[in-house]
C-alpha atoms as a PDB file:
ATOM      1  CA  MET A   1     -49.902  96.315  32.380  1.00  0.00           C
ATOM      2  CA  ALA A   2     -47.839  93.546  31.439  1.00  0.00           C
ATOM      3  CA  LEU A   3     -47.748  93.145  27.356  1.00  0.00           C
ATOM      4  CA  LYS A   4     -47.422  89.705  25.376  1.00  0.00           C
ATOM      5  CA  PRO A   5     -44.873  88.545  23.235  1.00  0.00           C
ATOM      6  CA  ALA A   6     -46.522  90.052  20.264  1.00  0.00           C
ATOM      7  CA  GLU A   7     -46.628  93.444  21.117  1.00  0.00           C
ATOM      8  CA  PHE A   8     -42.429  93.452  21.365  1.00  0.00           C
ATOM      9  CA  LYS A   9     -42.998  92.821  17.409  1.00  0.00           C
ATOM     10  CA  THR A  10     -42.837  95.276  14.824  1.00  0.00           C
ATOM     11  CA  ASP A  11     -43.698  95.496  11.583  1.00  0.00           C
ATOM     12  CA  VAL A  12     -40.025  96.009  10.165  1.00  0.00           C
ATOM     13  CA  HIS A  13     -39.798  92.938   7.384  1.00  0.00           C
ATOM     14  CA  ASN A  14     -37.538  90.594   8.284  1.00  0.00           C
ATOM     15  CA  ASP A  15     -35.168  89.441   5.539  1.00  0.00           C
ATOM     16  CA  TRP A  16     -33.342  86.783   7.389  1.00  0.00           C
ATOM     17  CA  CYS A  17     -32.776  83.441   5.309  1.00  0.00           C
ATOM     18  CA  PRO A  18     -35.407  81.073   5.990  1.00  0.00           C
ATOM     19  CA  GLY A  19     -34.354  78.610   8.713  1.00  0.00           C
ATOM     20  CA  CYS A  20     -31.893  80.898  10.123  1.00  0.00           C
ATOM     21  CA  GLY A  21     -31.257  80.655  14.163  1.00  0.00           C
ATOM     22  CA  ASP A  22     -31.822  84.623  14.371  1.00  0.00           C
ATOM     23  CA  PHE A  23     -35.316  83.946  14.141  1.00  0.00           C
ATOM     24  CA  GLY A  24     -35.282  81.904  17.513  1.00  0.00           C
ATOM     25  CA  ILE A  25     -33.360  84.541  19.576  1.00  0.00           C
ATOM     26  CA  VAL A  26     -35.563  87.282  18.642  1.00  0.00           C
ATOM     27  CA  ASN A  27     -38.418  85.397  19.978  1.00  0.00           C
ATOM     28  CA  ALA A  28     -36.817  84.031  22.860  1.00  0.00           C
ATOM     29  CA  ILE A  29     -36.125  88.048  23.860  1.00  0.00           C
ATOM     30  CA  GLN A  30     -39.381  89.177  23.267  1.00  0.00           C
ATOM     31  CA  MET A  31     -40.997  86.322  25.068  1.00  0.00           C
ATOM     32  CA  ALA A  32     -38.555  87.393  27.869  1.00  0.00           C
ATOM     33  CA  LEU A  33     -39.550  90.626  27.741  1.00  0.00           C
ATOM     34  CA  ALA A  34     -43.017  90.243  28.062  1.00  0.00           C
ATOM     35  CA  ASP A  35     -42.404  87.736  30.850  1.00  0.00           C
ATOM     36  CA  MET A  36     -40.953  89.871  32.969  1.00  0.00           C
ATOM     37  CA  GLY A  37     -43.106  92.592  32.601  1.00  0.00           C
ATOM     38  CA  VAL A  38     -40.948  95.475  31.060  1.00  0.00           C
ATOM     39  CA  GLN A  39     -41.899  98.723  30.188  1.00  0.00           C
ATOM     40  CA  ARG A  40     -41.289  99.332  26.135  1.00  0.00           C
ATOM     41  CA  ASP A  41     -40.294 103.026  27.522  1.00  0.00           C
ATOM     42  CA  LYS A  42     -38.043 101.902  29.657  1.00  0.00           C
ATOM     43  CA  THR A  43     -36.555  99.175  27.601  1.00  0.00           C
ATOM     44  CA  ALA A  44     -33.391  99.426  24.879  1.00  0.00           C
ATOM     45  CA  ILE A  45     -32.045  96.786  22.729  1.00  0.00           C
ATOM     46  CA  PHE A  46     -28.431  98.124  20.998  1.00  0.00           C
ATOM     47  CA  SER A  47     -27.580  95.686  18.289  1.00  0.00           C
ATOM     48  CA  GLY A  48     -23.874  96.056  16.312  1.00  0.00           C
ATOM     49  CA  ILE A  49     -23.080  95.149  12.647  1.00  0.00           C
ATOM     50  CA  GLY A  50     -24.036  91.949  11.109  1.00  0.00           C
ATOM     51  CA  CYS A  51     -27.420  89.954  10.585  1.00  0.00           C
ATOM     52  CA  SER A  52     -27.684  90.065  13.963  1.00  0.00           C
ATOM     53  CA  GLY A  53     -27.520  93.825  13.824  1.00  0.00           C
ATOM     54  CA  LYS A  54     -31.132  94.083  12.594  1.00  0.00           C
ATOM     55  CA  THR A  55     -32.361  92.743  15.653  1.00  0.00           C
ATOM     56  CA  SER A  56     -32.825  96.078  17.151  1.00  0.00           C
ATOM     57  CA  HIS A  57     -35.609  96.762  14.604  1.00  0.00           C
ATOM     58  CA  TYR A  58     -37.721  93.910  14.993  1.00  0.00           C
ATOM     59  CA  ILE A  59     -37.934  94.441  18.653  1.00  0.00           C
ATOM     60  CA  ASN A  60     -40.882  97.043  19.948  1.00  0.00           C
ATOM     61  CA  THR A  61     -38.844  99.057  22.408  1.00  0.00           C
ATOM     62  CA  TYR A  62     -35.949 101.464  22.074  1.00  0.00           C
ATOM     63  CA  GLY A  63     -33.557 100.538  19.482  1.00  0.00           C
ATOM     64  CA  VAL A  64     -30.032 101.161  18.438  1.00  0.00           C
ATOM     65  CA  HIS A  65     -27.985 100.285  15.791  1.00  0.00           C
ATOM     66  CA  THR A  66     -24.505 100.875  16.369  1.00  0.00           C
ATOM     67  CA  LEU A  67     -21.169 100.709  14.753  1.00  0.00           C
ATOM     68  CA  HIS A  68     -19.195  97.554  14.092  1.00  0.00           C
ATOM     69  CA  GLY A  69     -17.971  95.557  17.381  1.00  0.00           C
ATOM     70  CA  ARG A  70     -19.155  99.056  19.236  1.00  0.00           C
ATOM     71  CA  VAL A  71     -22.395  97.871  20.628  1.00  0.00           C
ATOM     72  CA  LEU A  72     -20.854  97.280  24.072  1.00  0.00           C
ATOM     73  CA  THR A  73     -19.451 101.187  24.387  1.00  0.00           C
ATOM     74  CA  PHE A  74     -22.952 102.771  23.409  1.00  0.00           C
ATOM     75  CA  ALA A  75     -25.698 100.281  25.624  1.00  0.00           C
ATOM     76  CA  GLN A  76     -22.775 100.638  28.772  1.00  0.00           C
ATOM     77  CA  GLY A  77     -22.887 104.515  28.354  1.00  0.00           C
ATOM     78  CA  ALA A  78     -27.021 104.499  28.112  1.00  0.00           C
ATOM     79  CA  LYS A  79     -26.823 102.329  31.203  1.00  0.00           C
ATOM     80  CA  ILE A  80     -24.395 104.329  32.977  1.00  0.00           C
ATOM     81  CA  ALA A  81     -26.745 107.916  32.208  1.00  0.00           C
ATOM     82  CA  ASN A  82     -29.693 105.880  32.791  1.00  0.00           C
ATOM     83  CA  PRO A  83     -29.775 103.658  35.506  1.00  0.00           C
ATOM     84  CA  GLU A  84     -33.534 102.635  35.314  1.00  0.00           C
ATOM     85  CA  MET A  85     -33.397 101.729  31.622  1.00  0.00           C
ATOM     86  CA  THR A  86     -33.581  97.811  31.309  1.00  0.00           C
ATOM     87  CA  ILE A  87     -30.608  97.172  28.220  1.00  0.00           C
ATOM     88  CA  VAL A  88     -30.272  94.342  26.335  1.00  0.00           C
ATOM     89  CA  ALA A  89     -27.165  94.475  23.654  1.00  0.00           C
ATOM     90  CA  VAL A  90     -26.840  91.878  20.804  1.00  0.00           C
ATOM     91  CA  GLY A  91     -24.494  91.006  18.440  1.00  0.00           C
ATOM     92  CA  GLY A  92     -22.721  88.176  15.925  1.00  0.00           C
ATOM     93  CA  ASP A  93     -19.770  86.208  17.235  1.00  0.00           C
ATOM     94  CA  GLY A  94     -17.787  88.066  14.463  1.00  0.00           C
ATOM     95  CA  ASP A  95     -18.895  91.374  15.755  1.00  0.00           C
ATOM     96  CA  GLY A  96     -18.189  90.879  19.327  1.00  0.00           C
ATOM     97  CA  LEU A  97     -15.230  88.434  19.308  1.00  0.00           C
ATOM     98  CA  GLY A  98     -13.269  89.747  16.331  1.00  0.00           C
ATOM     99  CA  ILE A  99     -13.435  93.936  15.805  1.00  0.00           C
ATOM    100  CA  GLY A 100     -15.472  94.198  19.379  1.00  0.00           C
ATOM    101  CA  ALA A 101     -13.121  91.782  21.814  1.00  0.00           C
ATOM    102  CA  GLY A 102     -11.519  94.458  23.240  1.00  0.00           C
ATOM    103  CA  HIS A 103     -14.602  96.226  24.504  1.00  0.00           C
ATOM    104  CA  PHE A 104     -15.748  92.284  25.335  1.00  0.00           C
ATOM    105  CA  VAL A 105     -12.756  92.090  27.610  1.00  0.00           C
ATOM    106  CA  ALA A 106     -13.108  95.716  29.147  1.00  0.00           C
ATOM    107  CA  ALA A 107     -16.905  95.236  29.905  1.00  0.00           C
ATOM    108  CA  GLY A 108     -16.140  92.431  32.350  1.00  0.00           C
ATOM    109  CA  ARG A 109     -14.113  94.463  34.611  1.00  0.00           C
ATOM    110  CA  ARG A 110     -16.791  96.948  34.952  1.00  0.00           C
ATOM    111  CA  ASN A 111     -19.626  94.745  35.768  1.00  0.00           C
ATOM    112  CA  VAL A 112     -22.400  97.268  34.527  1.00  0.00           C
ATOM    113  CA  ASN A 113     -25.857  96.161  35.249  1.00  0.00           C
ATOM    114  CA  MET A 114     -27.158  94.633  31.501  1.00  0.00           C
ATOM    115  CA  THR A 115     -26.978  91.946  29.536  1.00  0.00           C
ATOM    116  CA  TYR A 116     -24.824  90.906  26.101  1.00  0.00           C
ATOM    117  CA  ILE A 117     -26.027  88.136  23.733  1.00  0.00           C
ATOM    118  CA  ILE A 118     -23.743  87.200  20.671  1.00  0.00           C
ATOM    119  CA  PHE A 119     -25.225  85.097  18.162  1.00  0.00           C
ATOM    120  CA  ASP A 120     -22.847  82.246  17.204  1.00  0.00           C
ATOM    121  CA  ASN A 121     -22.590  80.943  14.191  1.00  0.00           C
ATOM    122  CA  GLY A 122     -19.427  80.381  13.230  1.00  0.00           C
ATOM    123  CA  VAL A 123     -19.641  83.030  10.270  1.00  0.00           C
ATOM    124  CA  TYR A 124     -19.667  86.551   9.181  1.00  0.00           C
ATOM    125  CA  GLY A 125     -23.362  85.321   7.469  1.00  0.00           C
ATOM    126  CA  LEU A 126     -23.889  89.237   6.008  1.00  0.00           C
ATOM    127  CA  THR A 127     -20.673  89.547   3.891  1.00  0.00           C
ATOM    128  CA  LYS A 128     -20.769  85.645   2.664  1.00  0.00           C
ATOM    129  CA  GLY A 129     -19.698  83.334   5.162  1.00  0.00           C
ATOM    130  CA  GLN A 130     -15.764  84.223   6.025  1.00  0.00           C
ATOM    131  CA  ALA A 131     -14.750  82.422   9.142  1.00  0.00           C
ATOM    132  CA  SER A 132     -15.503  83.954  12.328  1.00  0.00           C
ATOM    133  CA  PRO A 133     -13.519  84.220  15.510  1.00  0.00           C
ATOM    134  CA  THR A 134     -15.701  80.918  16.746  1.00  0.00           C
ATOM    135  CA  LEU A 135     -14.900  78.552  14.307  1.00  0.00           C
ATOM    136  CA  LYS A 136     -12.481  75.636  14.935  1.00  0.00           C
ATOM    137  CA  LEU A 137      -8.918  75.413  13.183  1.00  0.00           C
ATOM    138  CA  GLY A 138      -8.971  73.459  10.705  1.00  0.00           C
ATOM    139  CA  GLU A 139     -12.740  73.480   9.918  1.00  0.00           C
ATOM    140  CA  LYS A 140     -14.008  74.362   6.620  1.00  0.00           C
ATOM    141  CA  THR A 141     -17.575  75.050   5.398  1.00  0.00           C
ATOM    142  CA  LYS A 142     -18.695  75.327   2.066  1.00  0.00           C
ATOM    143  CA  SER A 143     -17.821  79.088   1.931  1.00  0.00           C
ATOM    144  CA  LEU A 144     -13.872  78.891   2.514  1.00  0.00           C
ATOM    145  CA  PRO A 145     -11.417  78.146  -0.311  1.00  0.00           C
ATOM    146  CA  SER A 146      -9.546  76.376   2.184  1.00  0.00           C
ATOM    147  CA  PRO A 147      -9.668  75.032   5.747  1.00  0.00           C
ATOM    148  CA  ASN A 148      -9.362  77.709   8.779  1.00  0.00           C
ATOM    149  CA  THR A 149      -5.859  78.464   9.855  1.00  0.00           C
ATOM    150  CA  ASN A 150      -7.235  80.550  13.130  1.00  0.00           C
ATOM    151  CA  SER A 151      -7.833  78.669  16.318  1.00  0.00           C
ATOM    152  CA  ASN A 152     -11.206  79.445  17.751  1.00  0.00           C
ATOM    153  CA  VAL A 153     -12.103  82.179  20.945  1.00  0.00           C
ATOM    154  CA  ASN A 154     -13.670  80.439  23.481  1.00  0.00           C
ATOM    155  CA  PRO A 155     -16.822  82.930  24.280  1.00  0.00           C
ATOM    156  CA  ILE A 156     -17.634  80.956  27.327  1.00  0.00           C
ATOM    157  CA  GLY A 157     -13.865  80.718  28.811  1.00  0.00           C
ATOM    158  CA  LEU A 158     -12.805  84.445  27.490  1.00  0.00           C
ATOM    159  CA  ALA A 159     -16.394  85.971  29.343  1.00  0.00           C
ATOM    160  CA  ILE A 160     -15.427  83.928  32.280  1.00  0.00           C
ATOM    161  CA  ALA A 161     -11.842  85.301  32.243  1.00  0.00           C
ATOM    162  CA  SER A 162     -12.798  88.810  31.453  1.00  0.00           C
ATOM    163  CA  GLY A 163     -14.710  89.283  34.567  1.00  0.00           C
ATOM    164  CA  PHE A 164     -18.830  88.546  33.441  1.00  0.00           C
ATOM    165  CA  THR A 165     -20.465  87.869  36.112  1.00  0.00           C
ATOM    166  CA  PHE A 166     -23.729  85.900  34.783  1.00  0.00           C
ATOM    167  CA  VAL A 167     -22.777  83.713  31.793  1.00  0.00           C
ATOM    168  CA  ALA A 168     -24.593  81.100  30.166  1.00  0.00           C
ATOM    169  CA  ARG A 169     -25.032  79.369  26.970  1.00  0.00           C
ATOM    170  CA  GLY A 170     -28.402  78.776  24.943  1.00  0.00           C
ATOM    171  CA  TYR A 171     -29.189  77.073  21.730  1.00  0.00           C
ATOM    172  CA  SER A 172     -31.482  79.171  19.323  1.00  0.00           C
ATOM    173  CA  TYR A 173     -34.033  76.263  18.433  1.00  0.00           C
ATOM    174  CA  ASP A 174     -34.716  75.176  22.045  1.00  0.00           C
ATOM    175  CA  ILE A 175     -36.867  78.926  22.142  1.00  0.00           C
ATOM    176  CA  ARG A 176     -38.309  78.208  25.748  1.00  0.00           C
ATOM    177  CA  HIS A 177     -35.325  77.199  27.490  1.00  0.00           C
ATOM    178  CA  LEU A 178     -33.572  80.192  25.946  1.00  0.00           C
ATOM    179  CA  LYS A 179     -36.430  82.725  27.059  1.00  0.00           C
ATOM    180  CA  ASP A 180     -35.622  81.498  30.932  1.00  0.00           C
ATOM    181  CA  LEU A 181     -31.909  82.053  29.944  1.00  0.00           C
ATOM    182  CA  ILE A 182     -32.780  85.497  28.783  1.00  0.00           C
ATOM    183  CA  VAL A 183     -34.688  85.784  31.958  1.00  0.00           C
ATOM    184  CA  GLN A 184     -32.035  85.044  34.224  1.00  0.00           C
ATOM    185  CA  ALA A 185     -29.516  87.293  32.614  1.00  0.00           C
ATOM    186  CA  VAL A 186     -31.655  90.133  32.762  1.00  0.00           C
ATOM    187  CA  LYS A 187     -32.324  89.901  36.113  1.00  0.00           C
ATOM    188  CA  HIS A 188     -29.172  89.385  37.230  1.00  0.00           C
ATOM    189  CA  PRO A 189     -27.410  92.651  39.218  1.00  0.00           C
ATOM    190  CA  GLY A 190     -24.307  92.833  37.319  1.00  0.00           C
ATOM    191  CA  LEU A 191     -23.153  92.227  33.700  1.00  0.00           C
ATOM    192  CA  SER A 192     -24.705  89.191  32.358  1.00  0.00           C
ATOM    193  CA  PHE A 193     -23.448  87.277  28.969  1.00  0.00           C
ATOM    194  CA  LEU A 194     -25.271  84.515  26.770  1.00  0.00           C
ATOM    195  CA  ASP A 195     -23.830  82.787  24.173  1.00  0.00           C
ATOM    196  CA  VAL A 196     -26.381  81.571  21.664  1.00  0.00           C
ATOM    197  CA  LEU A 197     -25.850  78.949  19.480  1.00  0.00           C
ATOM    198  CA  GLN A 198     -27.247  79.553  16.305  1.00  0.00           C
ATOM    199  CA  PRO A 199     -27.027  77.490  12.838  1.00  0.00           C
ATOM    200  CA  CYS A 200     -26.526  79.578   9.905  1.00  0.00           C
ATOM    201  CA  PRO A 201     -28.114  77.171   6.797  1.00  0.00           C
ATOM    202  CA  THR A 202     -26.343  79.446   4.286  1.00  0.00           C
ATOM    203  CA  TYR A 203     -22.895  79.619   5.057  1.00  0.00           C
ATOM    204  CA  ASN A 204     -22.134  77.081   7.844  1.00  0.00           C
ATOM    205  CA  ASP A 205     -22.838  73.469   6.646  1.00  0.00           C
ATOM    206  CA  LEU A 206     -20.716  72.248   9.565  1.00  0.00           C
ATOM    207  CA  ASN A 207     -23.035  73.336  12.703  1.00  0.00           C
ATOM    208  CA  THR A 208     -26.764  72.602  10.945  1.00  0.00           C
ATOM    209  CA  ARG A 209     -29.235  71.854  13.251  1.00  0.00           C
ATOM    210  CA  ASP A 210     -29.446  67.883  12.355  1.00  0.00           C
ATOM    211  CA  TRP A 211     -25.533  68.417  13.422  1.00  0.00           C
ATOM    212  CA  TYR A 212     -26.948  69.480  17.162  1.00  0.00           C
ATOM    213  CA  ALA A 213     -29.688  67.137  17.163  1.00  0.00           C
ATOM    214  CA  GLY A 214     -27.006  64.509  16.600  1.00  0.00           C
ATOM    215  CA  ALA A 215     -28.400  62.978  12.961  1.00  0.00           C
ATOM    216  CA  ASP A 216     -25.360  60.975  12.662  1.00  0.00           C
ATOM    217  CA  LEU A 217     -24.609  59.792  16.235  1.00  0.00           C
ATOM    218  CA  MET A 218     -27.666  57.404  16.013  1.00  0.00           C
ATOM    219  CA  ASP A 219     -27.644  54.386  18.260  1.00  0.00           C
ATOM    220  CA  GLU A 220     -28.613  50.641  17.236  1.00  0.00           C
ATOM    221  CA  ALA A 221     -32.541  51.408  17.453  1.00  0.00           C
ATOM    222  CA  GLN A 222     -31.513  54.343  14.895  1.00  0.00           C
ATOM    223  CA  LYS A 223     -32.562  57.082  17.496  1.00  0.00           C
ATOM    224  CA  ARG A 224     -30.808  60.043  17.043  1.00  0.00           C
ATOM    225  CA  HIS A 225     -28.736  61.397  20.315  1.00  0.00           C
ATOM    226  CA  SER A 226     -29.005  65.537  20.438  1.00  0.00           C
ATOM    227  CA  ARG A 227     -25.355  67.015  21.242  1.00  0.00           C
ATOM    228  CA  ILE A 228     -26.834  69.897  23.359  1.00  0.00           C
ATOM    229  CA  TYR A 229     -27.171  68.676  26.612  1.00  0.00           C
ATOM    230  CA  LYS A 230     -28.826  71.156  29.911  1.00  0.00           C
ATOM    231  CA  LEU A 231     -26.382  71.860  32.608  1.00  0.00           C
ATOM    232  CA  GLU A 232     -29.259  72.023  35.316  1.00  0.00           C
ATOM    233  CA  GLU A 233     -30.628  68.847  34.748  1.00  0.00           C
ATOM    234  CA  THR A 234     -26.955  66.916  35.398  1.00  0.00           C
ATOM    235  CA  GLY A 235     -26.938  68.759  39.178  1.00  0.00           C
ATOM    236  CA  TYR A 236     -24.322  71.105  38.184  1.00  0.00           C
ATOM    237  CA  GLU A 237     -24.438  74.281  40.802  1.00  0.00           C
ATOM    238  CA  PRO A 238     -23.114  77.590  39.109  1.00  0.00           C
ATOM    239  CA  THR A 239     -23.868  80.082  42.270  1.00  0.00           C
ATOM    240  CA  VAL A 240     -21.269  81.346  44.039  1.00  0.00           C
ATOM    241  CA  HIS A 241     -22.932  81.296  47.509  1.00  0.00           C
ATOM    242  CA  TYR A 242     -20.565  82.552  50.020  1.00  0.00           C
ATOM    243  CA  ASP A 243     -18.363  85.350  48.127  1.00  0.00           C
ATOM    244  CA  SER A 244     -15.179  83.459  49.465  1.00  0.00           C
ATOM    245  CA  GLU A 245     -11.805  83.170  47.775  1.00  0.00           C
ATOM    246  CA  ILE A 246     -11.978  79.517  47.387  1.00  0.00           C
ATOM    247  CA  GLU A 247     -15.502  79.076  46.491  1.00  0.00           C
ATOM    248  CA  ILE A 248     -14.876  81.579  43.825  1.00  0.00           C
ATOM    249  CA  ASN A 249     -12.196  80.269  42.544  1.00  0.00           C
ATOM    250  CA  GLU A 250     -13.911  76.693  42.670  1.00  0.00           C
ATOM    251  CA  LYS A 251     -17.026  77.800  40.528  1.00  0.00           C
ATOM    252  CA  LEU A 252     -14.788  79.676  38.068  1.00  0.00           C
ATOM    253  CA  SER A 253     -12.497  76.602  37.461  1.00  0.00           C
ATOM    254  CA  GLN A 254     -15.286  74.100  36.920  1.00  0.00           C
ATOM    255  CA  ALA A 255     -17.099  76.675  34.422  1.00  0.00           C
ATOM    256  CA  LEU A 256     -13.663  76.981  32.281  1.00  0.00           C
ATOM    257  CA  ILE A 257     -13.862  73.417  32.472  1.00  0.00           C
ATOM    258  CA  LYS A 258     -17.757  72.784  31.366  1.00  0.00           C
ATOM    259  CA  SER A 259     -16.580  75.929  28.611  1.00  0.00           C
ATOM    260  CA  LEU A 260     -14.176  73.145  26.855  1.00  0.00           C
ATOM    261  CA  GLU A 261     -16.736  70.621  26.106  1.00  0.00           C
ATOM    262  CA  TRP A 262     -17.424  70.145  22.427  1.00  0.00           C
ATOM    263  CA  GLY A 263     -18.164  67.866  20.269  1.00  0.00           C
ATOM    264  CA  ASN A 264     -20.596  64.918  20.946  1.00  0.00           C
ATOM    265  CA  LYS A 265     -21.788  66.818  24.145  1.00  0.00           C
ATOM    266  CA  ILE A 266     -22.210  70.244  24.086  1.00  0.00           C
ATOM    267  CA  PRO A 267     -23.292  72.028  27.421  1.00  0.00           C
ATOM    268  CA  ILE A 268     -26.176  74.717  27.621  1.00  0.00           C
ATOM    269  CA  GLY A 269     -27.568  76.641  30.540  1.00  0.00           C
ATOM    270  CA  VAL A 270     -25.723  78.805  33.676  1.00  0.00           C
ATOM    271  CA  PHE A 271     -21.930  78.590  33.821  1.00  0.00           C
ATOM    272  CA  TYR A 272     -21.212  80.664  36.084  1.00  0.00           C
ATOM    273  CA  LYS A 273     -23.059  83.011  38.503  1.00  0.00           C
ATOM    274  CA  ASN A 274     -21.995  85.360  40.715  1.00  0.00           C
ATOM    275  CA  GLU A 275     -23.957  88.437  42.690  1.00  0.00           C
ATOM    276  CA  ASN A 276     -21.616  89.589  45.048  1.00  0.00           C
ATOM    277  CA  THR A 277     -19.120  91.460  42.940  1.00  0.00           C
ATOM    278  CA  THR A 278     -19.456  95.445  43.357  1.00  0.00           C
ATOM    279  CA  PRO A 279     -21.943  96.549  40.343  1.00  0.00           C
ATOM    280  CA  TYR A 280     -20.621  99.366  38.408  1.00  0.00           C
ATOM    281  CA  THR A 281     -23.234 101.835  39.791  1.00  0.00           C
ATOM    282  CA  LYS A 282     -22.174 101.233  43.535  1.00  0.00           C
ATOM    283  CA  ARG A 283     -18.806 101.980  42.553  1.00  0.00           C
ATOM    284  CA  LEU A 284     -19.763 105.083  40.704  1.00  0.00           C
ATOM    285  CA  GLN A 285     -21.620 105.683  44.003  1.00  0.00           C
ATOM    286  CA  ASP A 286     -19.063 105.809  46.240  1.00  0.00           C
ATOM    287  CA  LYS A 287     -17.718 108.680  44.232  1.00  0.00           C
ATOM    288  CA  ILE A 288     -20.552 110.723  43.100  1.00  0.00           C
ATOM    289  CA  PRO A 289     -22.854 110.105  45.950  1.00  0.00           C
ATOM    290  CA  ASN A 290     -26.098 111.469  44.698  1.00  0.00           C
ATOM    291  CA  TYR A 291     -25.586 109.483  41.476  1.00  0.00           C
ATOM    292  CA  LEU A 292     -28.772 107.787  41.478  1.00  0.00           C
ATOM    293  CA  GLU A 293     -30.740 110.596  42.422  1.00  0.00           C
ATOM    294  CA  ASN A 294     -29.229 112.976  39.556  1.00  0.00           C
ATOM    295  CA  PRO A 295     -27.951 110.688  36.765  1.00  0.00           C
ATOM    296  CA  PRO A 296     -26.737 112.396  33.151  1.00  0.00           C
ATOM    297  CA  ALA A 297     -30.028 111.476  31.627  1.00  0.00           C
ATOM    298  CA  LYS A 298     -32.029 113.643  34.125  1.00  0.00           C
ATOM    299  CA  GLN A 299     -29.565 116.640  34.267  1.00  0.00           C
ATOM    300  CA  ASN A 300     -30.620 119.892  32.355  1.00  0.00           C
ATOM    301  CA  VAL A 301     -27.602 120.256  29.543  1.00  0.00           C
ATOM    302  CA  SER A 302     -29.267 123.118  27.866  1.00  0.00           C
ATOM    303  CA  LYS A 303     -31.842 126.040  28.473  1.00  0.00           C
ATOM    304  CA  ASN A 304     -33.310 127.719  25.507  1.00  0.00           C
ATOM    305  CA  GLY A 305     -30.875 126.053  22.978  1.00  0.00           C
ATOM    306  CA  HIS A 306     -27.843 127.407  24.749  1.00  0.00           C
ATOM    307  CA  SER A 307     -25.612 124.880  26.737  1.00  0.00           C
ATOM    308  CA  ASN A 308     -25.546 125.482  30.226  1.00  0.00           C
ATOM    309  CA  THR A 309     -22.261 125.017  30.191  1.00  0.00           C
ATOM    310  CA  ASP A 310     -19.848 128.158  30.310  1.00  0.00           C
ATOM    311  CA  ILE A 311     -16.426 127.104  29.199  1.00  0.00           C
ATOM    312  CA  SER A 312     -15.210 130.383  29.034  1.00  0.00           C
ATOM    313  CA  LYS A 313     -13.067 130.625  31.489  1.00  0.00           C
ATOM    314  CA  ILE A 314     -10.997 127.702  30.160  1.00  0.00           C
ATOM    315  CA  LEU A 315     -10.973 129.698  26.506  1.00  0.00           C
ATOM    316  CA  ASP A 316      -9.485 132.526  28.194  1.00  0.00           C
ATOM    317  CA  SER A 317      -6.886 130.789  30.249  1.00  0.00           C
ATOM    318  CA  LEU A 318      -5.625 129.298  27.022  1.00  0.00           C
ATOM    319  CA  GLU A 319      -5.434 132.026  24.834  1.00  0.00           C
ATOM    320  CA  VAL A 320      -2.043 133.284  24.001  1.00  0.00           C
END
């Protein structure tokens, strides 16, 4: 029987700052899981380190709070070991695009069937607001003593270049739209990436809720013009239909161009979608024909407290 979003909530005390964009993202994940009718005992949320790392504590499924920058390694391992599980990994922009950048790129090459969501607020919120990899060069938030001296990482562009086969961006204060994006990402038969813009009301006084809403972009009638706009409302077509090299290159090129839009117009929605790339499960099946019938999570590794693996012959061969 399908569960309601409230049944994916936990009783764990939530200590995020009032107004934090994380609340919208967690609500959207809970709504998406309910909408898809997933089973809690076949779903796991993996989180990294940072404010977003607490997400796995707040969603009533299996939850794994992992190491800084390493969430993708744990999550991919779980999915490969147990392909029946629905796996969602979450982390901050500092966690995933700073210390975790190498794992981000490597994951894109594999196309494991799971979803990775980055909570993108431009700062390291848990450690007092240092500049994260997505803060632009020359920007100075209130917690920085001087303007940022590093150029920023473009999460959408990096995901496309790394090989993610579903790439999208959401906004934490448009929860229903974000929920729909998460549903699409989880249902995608491959590795999906979702960059979620979210204000940090404590440390980022530049990219605030009012800034995204266009409070400084009033027209003559004193009407706000939101910076956020939806790609699907512009006729943008992200999907690769025919798997031809020409079409793939065209869709990748338009996605990269869109990923560079920032300032007074910021796109959200699906940038790129390709269901034709061979998933990692199929690549494993080509090497291990009975992989899906007997994945690692279903294999007996011990009996009566003793390992089934006998390495005594190997040890004997190494004896000098």
